[in-house]
C-alpha atoms as a PDB file:
ATOM      1  CA  MET A   1      -1.606   5.311  17.454  1.00  0.00           C
ATOM      2  CA  GLY A   2      -1.066   1.785  16.160  1.00  0.00           C
ATOM      3  CA  HIS A   3       0.428   0.293  13.041  1.00  0.00           C
ATOM      4  CA  ARG A   4      -2.588   0.585  10.770  1.00  0.00           C
ATOM      5  CA  ALA A   5      -3.033  -1.633   7.754  1.00  0.00           C
ATOM      6  CA  LEU A   6      -5.611  -1.855   5.013  1.00  0.00           C
ATOM      7  CA  VAL A   7      -6.330  -5.422   3.939  1.00  0.00           C
ATOM      8  CA  ALA A   8      -7.888  -6.320   0.571  1.00  0.00           C
ATOM      9  CA  TYR A   9      -9.574  -9.731   0.511  1.00  0.00           C
ATOM     10  CA  ARG A  10     -10.324 -11.208  -2.913  1.00  0.00           C
ATOM     11  CA  ARG A  11     -14.059 -11.665  -3.381  1.00  0.00           C
ATOM     12  CA  ASP A  12     -15.518 -15.116  -3.971  1.00  0.00           C
ATOM     13  CA  ALA A  13     -18.068 -13.820  -6.466  1.00  0.00           C
ATOM     14  CA  ASP A  14     -15.529 -13.101  -9.221  1.00  0.00           C
ATOM     15  CA  SER A  15     -15.600 -14.824 -12.575  1.00  0.00           C
ATOM     16  CA  PRO A  16     -15.925 -18.607 -12.214  1.00  0.00           C
ATOM     17  CA  ASP A  17     -13.285 -19.335 -14.859  1.00  0.00           C
ATOM     18  CA  SER A  18     -10.424 -17.751 -12.886  1.00  0.00           C
ATOM     19  CA  GLN A  19      -8.248 -20.000 -10.732  1.00  0.00           C
ATOM     20  CA  ALA A  20      -7.830 -19.200  -7.044  1.00  0.00           C
ATOM     21  CA  GLY A  21      -4.017 -19.179  -6.842  1.00  0.00           C
ATOM     22  CA  SER A  22      -3.174 -17.712 -10.228  1.00  0.00           C
ATOM     23  CA  ASP A  23      -5.434 -14.668 -10.288  1.00  0.00           C
ATOM     24  CA  LEU A  24      -3.758 -12.352  -7.795  1.00  0.00           C
ATOM     25  CA  ALA A  25      -2.893  -9.649 -10.293  1.00  0.00           C
ATOM     26  CA  ALA A  26      -5.960  -9.911 -12.523  1.00  0.00           C
ATOM     27  CA  GLU A  27      -7.036  -6.402 -13.487  1.00  0.00           C
ATOM     28  CA  ASP A  28     -10.704  -7.268 -13.089  1.00  0.00           C
ATOM     29  CA  ALA A  29     -10.245  -8.769  -9.603  1.00  0.00           C
ATOM     30  CA  ARG A  30     -12.556  -7.373  -6.939  1.00  0.00           C
ATOM     31  CA  TYR A  31     -11.768  -6.980  -3.247  1.00  0.00           C
ATOM     32  CA  ASP A  32     -13.409  -6.198   0.068  1.00  0.00           C
ATOM     33  CA  LEU A  33     -11.348  -3.821   2.191  1.00  0.00           C
ATOM     34  CA  HIS A  34     -10.830  -4.269   5.926  1.00  0.00           C
ATOM     35  CA  ARG A  35      -8.814  -2.458   8.582  1.00  0.00           C
ATOM     36  CA  SER A  36      -6.348  -3.702  11.143  1.00  0.00           C
ATOM     37  CA  GLN A  37      -5.184  -1.368  13.906  1.00  0.00           C
ATOM     38  CA  TRP A  38      -1.917  -3.256  14.484  1.00  0.00           C
ATOM     39  CA  GLY A  39      -1.495  -5.278  11.265  1.00  0.00           C
ATOM     40  CA  GLY A  40       1.234  -3.035   9.885  1.00  0.00           C
ATOM     41  CA  ALA A  41       3.648  -3.923  12.684  1.00  0.00           C
ATOM     42  CA  GLY A  42       6.496  -5.817  11.050  1.00  0.00           C
ATOM     43  CA  PHE A  43       4.140  -7.113   8.331  1.00  0.00           C
ATOM     44  CA  ALA A  44       2.744  -9.462  10.994  1.00  0.00           C
ATOM     45  CA  LEU A  45      -0.334 -10.396   8.979  1.00  0.00           C
ATOM     46  CA  LEU A  46       1.910 -12.369   6.618  1.00  0.00           C
ATOM     47  CA  ASP A  47       2.190 -14.899   9.457  1.00  0.00           C
ATOM     48  CA  HIS A  48      -1.296 -14.585  10.937  1.00  0.00           C
ATOM     49  CA  VAL A  49      -3.804 -14.609   8.050  1.00  0.00           C
ATOM     50  CA  SER A  50      -4.665 -18.084   6.760  1.00  0.00           C
ATOM     51  CA  ALA A  51      -7.661 -20.172   5.742  1.00  0.00           C
ATOM     52  CA  GLU A  52      -7.973 -21.232   9.388  1.00  0.00           C
ATOM     53  CA  THR A  53      -7.638 -17.663  10.716  1.00  0.00           C
ATOM     54  CA  PRO A  54      -8.773 -15.362   7.884  1.00  0.00           C
ATOM     55  CA  TYR A  55      -9.017 -12.297  10.143  1.00  0.00           C
ATOM     56  CA  ALA A  56      -6.131 -13.179  12.486  1.00  0.00           C
ATOM     57  CA  ALA A  57      -8.659 -13.319  15.300  1.00  0.00           C
ATOM     58  CA  ASP A  58      -7.323 -13.807  18.819  1.00  0.00           C
ATOM     59  CA  THR A  59      -4.094 -11.985  17.942  1.00  0.00           C
ATOM     60  CA  GLN A  60      -3.099  -8.377  18.560  1.00  0.00           C
ATOM     61  CA  PHE A  61      -3.019  -7.947  14.765  1.00  0.00           C
ATOM     62  CA  ALA A  62      -6.702  -8.870  14.258  1.00  0.00           C
ATOM     63  CA  VAL A  63      -8.463  -7.606  11.148  1.00  0.00           C
ATOM     64  CA  ASP A  64     -11.918  -6.090  11.598  1.00  0.00           C
ATOM     65  CA  PRO A  65     -14.299  -8.539   9.854  1.00  0.00           C
ATOM     66  CA  ASP A  66     -16.661  -5.688   8.913  1.00  0.00           C
ATOM     67  CA  PRO A  67     -15.470  -4.250   5.600  1.00  0.00           C
ATOM     68  CA  VAL A  68     -14.923  -0.521   5.136  1.00  0.00           C
ATOM     69  CA  ALA A  69     -15.577  -0.899   1.392  1.00  0.00           C
ATOM     70  CA  THR A  70     -16.715  -3.732  -0.871  1.00  0.00           C
ATOM     71  CA  ASP A  71     -16.360  -4.736  -4.497  1.00  0.00           C
ATOM     72  CA  CYS A  72     -13.276  -2.575  -5.174  1.00  0.00           C
ATOM     73  CA  SER A  73     -10.546  -3.068  -7.731  1.00  0.00           C
ATOM     74  CA  LEU A  74      -6.952  -2.878  -6.536  1.00  0.00           C
ATOM     75  CA  ALA A  75      -6.671   0.471  -8.338  1.00  0.00           C
ATOM     76  CA  ASP A  76      -9.781   1.742  -6.484  1.00  0.00           C
ATOM     77  CA  ALA A  77      -8.309   0.653  -3.160  1.00  0.00           C
ATOM     78  CA  ALA A  78      -5.031   2.459  -3.907  1.00  0.00           C
ATOM     79  CA  SER A  79      -6.604   5.666  -5.181  1.00  0.00           C
ATOM     80  CA  ASP A  80      -9.803   6.039  -3.143  1.00  0.00           C
ATOM     81  CA  HIS A  81      -9.432   4.180   0.153  1.00  0.00           C
ATOM     82  CA  LEU A  82      -5.786   3.928   1.194  1.00  0.00           C
ATOM     83  CA  ASP A  83      -4.508   6.763   3.366  1.00  0.00           C
ATOM     84  CA  TYR A  84      -0.814   6.790   2.510  1.00  0.00           C
ATOM     85  CA  LEU A  85       0.100   8.856   5.551  1.00  0.00           C
ATOM     86  CA  HIS A  86      -1.826   6.875   8.160  1.00  0.00           C
ATOM     87  CA  HIS A  87      -1.612   3.295   6.874  1.00  0.00           C
ATOM     88  CA  GLU A  88       1.719   1.616   7.449  1.00  0.00           C
ATOM     89  CA  ALA A  89       1.029  -1.490   5.363  1.00  0.00           C
ATOM     90  CA  PHE A  90      -1.315  -2.797   2.704  1.00  0.00           C
ATOM     91  CA  TYR A  91      -2.091  -6.476   2.167  1.00  0.00           C
ATOM     92  CA  ARG A  92      -3.720  -8.355  -0.678  1.00  0.00           C
ATOM     93  CA  VAL A  93      -5.248 -11.708   0.247  1.00  0.00           C
ATOM     94  CA  SER A  94      -6.187 -14.219  -2.470  1.00  0.00           C
ATOM     95  CA  ARG A  95      -9.184 -16.522  -2.219  1.00  0.00           C
ATOM     96  CA  ASP A  96      -6.838 -19.307  -1.088  1.00  0.00           C
ATOM     97  CA  TYR A  97      -5.323 -16.959   1.554  1.00  0.00           C
ATOM     98  CA  GLU A  98      -2.006 -16.317  -0.115  1.00  0.00           C
ATOM     99  CA  VAL A  99      -0.986 -12.986   1.427  1.00  0.00           C
ATOM    100  CA  THR A 100       1.095 -10.315  -0.306  1.00  0.00           C
ATOM    101  CA  ALA A 101       2.323  -7.365   1.771  1.00  0.00           C
ATOM    102  CA  TYR A 102       3.132  -3.890   0.474  1.00  0.00           C
ATOM    103  CA  HIS A 103       5.004  -0.911   1.842  1.00  0.00           C
ATOM    104  CA  VAL A 104       2.855   2.211   1.822  1.00  0.00           C
ATOM    105  CA  LEU A 105       4.832   5.217   0.576  1.00  0.00           C
ATOM    106  CA  TRP A 106       3.295   8.675   0.969  1.00  0.00           C
ATOM    107  CA  PHE A 107       4.321  11.140  -1.744  1.00  0.00           C
ATOM    108  CA  GLY A 108       3.473  14.199   0.383  1.00  0.00           C
ATOM    109  CA  LEU A 109       6.251  16.781   0.387  1.00  0.00           C
ATOM    110  CA  GLU A 110       5.061  19.271   2.998  1.00  0.00           C
ATOM    111  CA  ALA A 111       7.813  18.207   5.418  1.00  0.00           C
ATOM    112  CA  ASP A 112      10.461  18.183   2.678  1.00  0.00           C
ATOM    113  CA  ALA A 113       9.677  21.331   0.669  1.00  0.00           C
ATOM    114  CA  ASP A 114       8.884  24.781   2.025  1.00  0.00           C
ATOM    115  CA  ALA A 115       7.001  25.486  -1.208  1.00  0.00           C
ATOM    116  CA  VAL A 116       4.443  22.741  -0.442  1.00  0.00           C
ATOM    117  CA  ASP A 117       1.905  23.705   2.223  1.00  0.00           C
ATOM    118  CA  ARG A 118      -0.286  20.617   2.217  1.00  0.00           C
ATOM    119  CA  SER A 119      -0.334  17.261   0.480  1.00  0.00           C
ATOM    120  CA  GLU A 120      -3.255  14.915   0.056  1.00  0.00           C
ATOM    121  CA  THR A 121      -3.007  11.654   1.954  1.00  0.00           C
ATOM    122  CA  VAL A 122      -5.629   9.442   0.286  1.00  0.00           C
ATOM    123  CA  GLY A 123      -4.581   8.300  -3.181  1.00  0.00           C
ATOM    124  CA  HIS A 124      -1.301  10.217  -2.985  1.00  0.00           C
ATOM    125  CA  GLY A 125       1.463   7.673  -2.848  1.00  0.00           C
ATOM    126  CA  GLY A 126       2.592   4.294  -4.006  1.00  0.00           C
ATOM    127  CA  LEU A 127       2.677   0.684  -2.943  1.00  0.00           C
ATOM    128  CA  ILE A 128       5.722  -1.497  -3.339  1.00  0.00           C
ATOM    129  CA  GLU A 129       5.714  -5.211  -2.646  1.00  0.00           C
ATOM    130  CA  ALA A 130       7.382  -5.819   0.693  1.00  0.00           C
ATOM    131  CA  HIS A 131      10.330  -8.014   1.459  1.00  0.00           C
ATOM    132  CA  PRO A 132      10.378  -7.677   5.261  1.00  0.00           C
ATOM    133  CA  ASP A 133      14.134  -8.321   5.464  1.00  0.00           C
ATOM    134  CA  ASP A 134      14.931  -5.017   3.711  1.00  0.00           C
ATOM    135  CA  SER A 135      12.150  -2.844   5.148  1.00  0.00           C
ATOM    136  CA  ASP A 136      14.478  -0.512   7.043  1.00  0.00           C
ATOM    137  CA  TYR A 137      16.628   0.024   3.969  1.00  0.00           C
ATOM    138  CA  LEU A 138      13.603   0.845   1.784  1.00  0.00           C
ATOM    139  CA  ARG A 139      12.226   3.309   4.332  1.00  0.00           C
ATOM    140  CA  GLY A 140      15.584   5.082   4.564  1.00  0.00           C
ATOM    141  CA  TRP A 141      16.023   5.134   0.801  1.00  0.00           C
ATOM    142  CA  PHE A 142      12.535   6.587   0.284  1.00  0.00           C
ATOM    143  CA  ARG A 143      13.077   9.192   3.008  1.00  0.00           C
ATOM    144  CA  GLY A 144      16.233  10.311   1.188  1.00  0.00           C
ATOM    145  CA  ALA A 145      14.473  10.362  -2.192  1.00  0.00           C
ATOM    146  CA  LYS A 146      11.747  12.619  -0.756  1.00  0.00           C
ATOM    147  CA  GLU A 147      14.335  15.003   0.706  1.00  0.00           C
ATOM    148  CA  VAL A 148      16.092  15.324  -2.654  1.00  0.00           C
ATOM    149  CA  VAL A 149      12.843  15.838  -4.577  1.00  0.00           C
ATOM    150  CA  GLY A 150      11.614  18.334  -1.945  1.00  0.00           C
ATOM    151  CA  GLY A 151      14.834  20.308  -2.347  1.00  0.00           C
ATOM    152  CA  MET A 152      14.335  20.397  -6.107  1.00  0.00           C
ATOM    153  CA  VAL A 153      10.826  21.806  -5.600  1.00  0.00           C
ATOM    154  CA  ASP A 154      12.185  24.546  -3.312  1.00  0.00           C
ATOM    155  CA  ARG A 155      14.804  25.462  -5.944  1.00  0.00           C
ATOM    156  CA  ASP A 156      12.093  25.627  -8.653  1.00  0.00           C
ATOM    157  CA  ALA A 157      13.787  22.788 -10.519  1.00  0.00           C
ATOM    158  CA  LEU A 158      10.584  20.728 -10.270  1.00  0.00           C
ATOM    159  CA  ALA A 159       6.939  21.726  -9.992  1.00  0.00           C
ATOM    160  CA  PRO A 160       5.070  19.918  -7.200  1.00  0.00           C
ATOM    161  CA  ASP A 161       3.102  17.789  -9.708  1.00  0.00           C
ATOM    162  CA  ALA A 162       6.304  16.847 -11.509  1.00  0.00           C
ATOM    163  CA  ALA A 163       7.855  16.007  -8.136  1.00  0.00           C
ATOM    164  CA  VAL A 164       5.133  13.423  -7.497  1.00  0.00           C
ATOM    165  CA  ASP A 165       5.830  11.902 -10.917  1.00  0.00           C
ATOM    166  CA  ALA A 166       9.548  11.867 -10.103  1.00  0.00           C
ATOM    167  CA  LEU A 167       8.890  10.003  -6.849  1.00  0.00           C
ATOM    168  CA  ALA A 168       6.690   7.484  -8.648  1.00  0.00           C
ATOM    169  CA  ASP A 169       9.434   6.941 -11.253  1.00  0.00           C
ATOM    170  CA  ARG A 170      12.085   6.474  -8.545  1.00  0.00           C
ATOM    171  CA  VAL A 171       9.922   3.921  -6.715  1.00  0.00           C
ATOM    172  CA  GLU A 172       9.276   1.956  -9.907  1.00  0.00           C
ATOM    173  CA  THR A 173      12.995   1.991 -10.739  1.00  0.00           C
ATOM    174  CA  TRP A 174      14.011   0.884  -7.242  1.00  0.00           C
ATOM    175  CA  ALA A 175      11.405  -1.880  -7.165  1.00  0.00           C
ATOM    176  CA  ASP A 176      13.123  -3.915  -9.889  1.00  0.00           C
ATOM    177  CA  ASP A 177      10.988  -7.096 -10.081  1.00  0.00           C
ATOM    178  CA  ARG A 178       8.624  -6.238  -7.204  1.00  0.00           C
ATOM    179  CA  GLU A 179       5.060  -5.262  -7.876  1.00  0.00           C
ATOM    180  CA  VAL A 180       4.371  -1.505  -7.675  1.00  0.00           C
ATOM    181  CA  VAL A 181       0.954   0.147  -7.565  1.00  0.00           C
ATOM    182  CA  VAL A 182       0.748   3.914  -8.113  1.00  0.00           C
ATOM    183  CA  PRO A 183      -2.703   5.488  -8.454  1.00  0.00           C
ATOM    184  CA  GLY A 184      -3.319   7.109 -11.834  1.00  0.00           C
END
């Protein structure tokens, strides 16, 4: 099954006046998206992607050099290309190969609420900047948050759409000073 990751590499063809290291969060930044079958394992690509090894070649975490999509914004990647159920990690790579890792959190409630039959997987979740030392805690916290929200849906205290908004709010609150990306 693997530890799938989606990797967004900053494009070289962006505006010439932006600086390589300081433009990671620029709203107009464009990315090429690549897949890694094992890159989500322990956020391994943080240690394996560099200017010398941009695709972590010759490692078990190798990134496919053929893009699955090109010229995407970060918002496009999060809403149209990231499968929140099947991708374990998301990475953003700057032009100078500074790598930022994100937890992929699926907002699907079908396992947590009897009232929800099916949840979308693409574009239906959130990204939270990863600190690998607290990954287990975050996963457990999010699992608990989904159980509580799912229970509220089953008790008609929250509509399924409102439940997704509640999860997004909880993630943003928990994140504190970490970057969070939630598709609109």
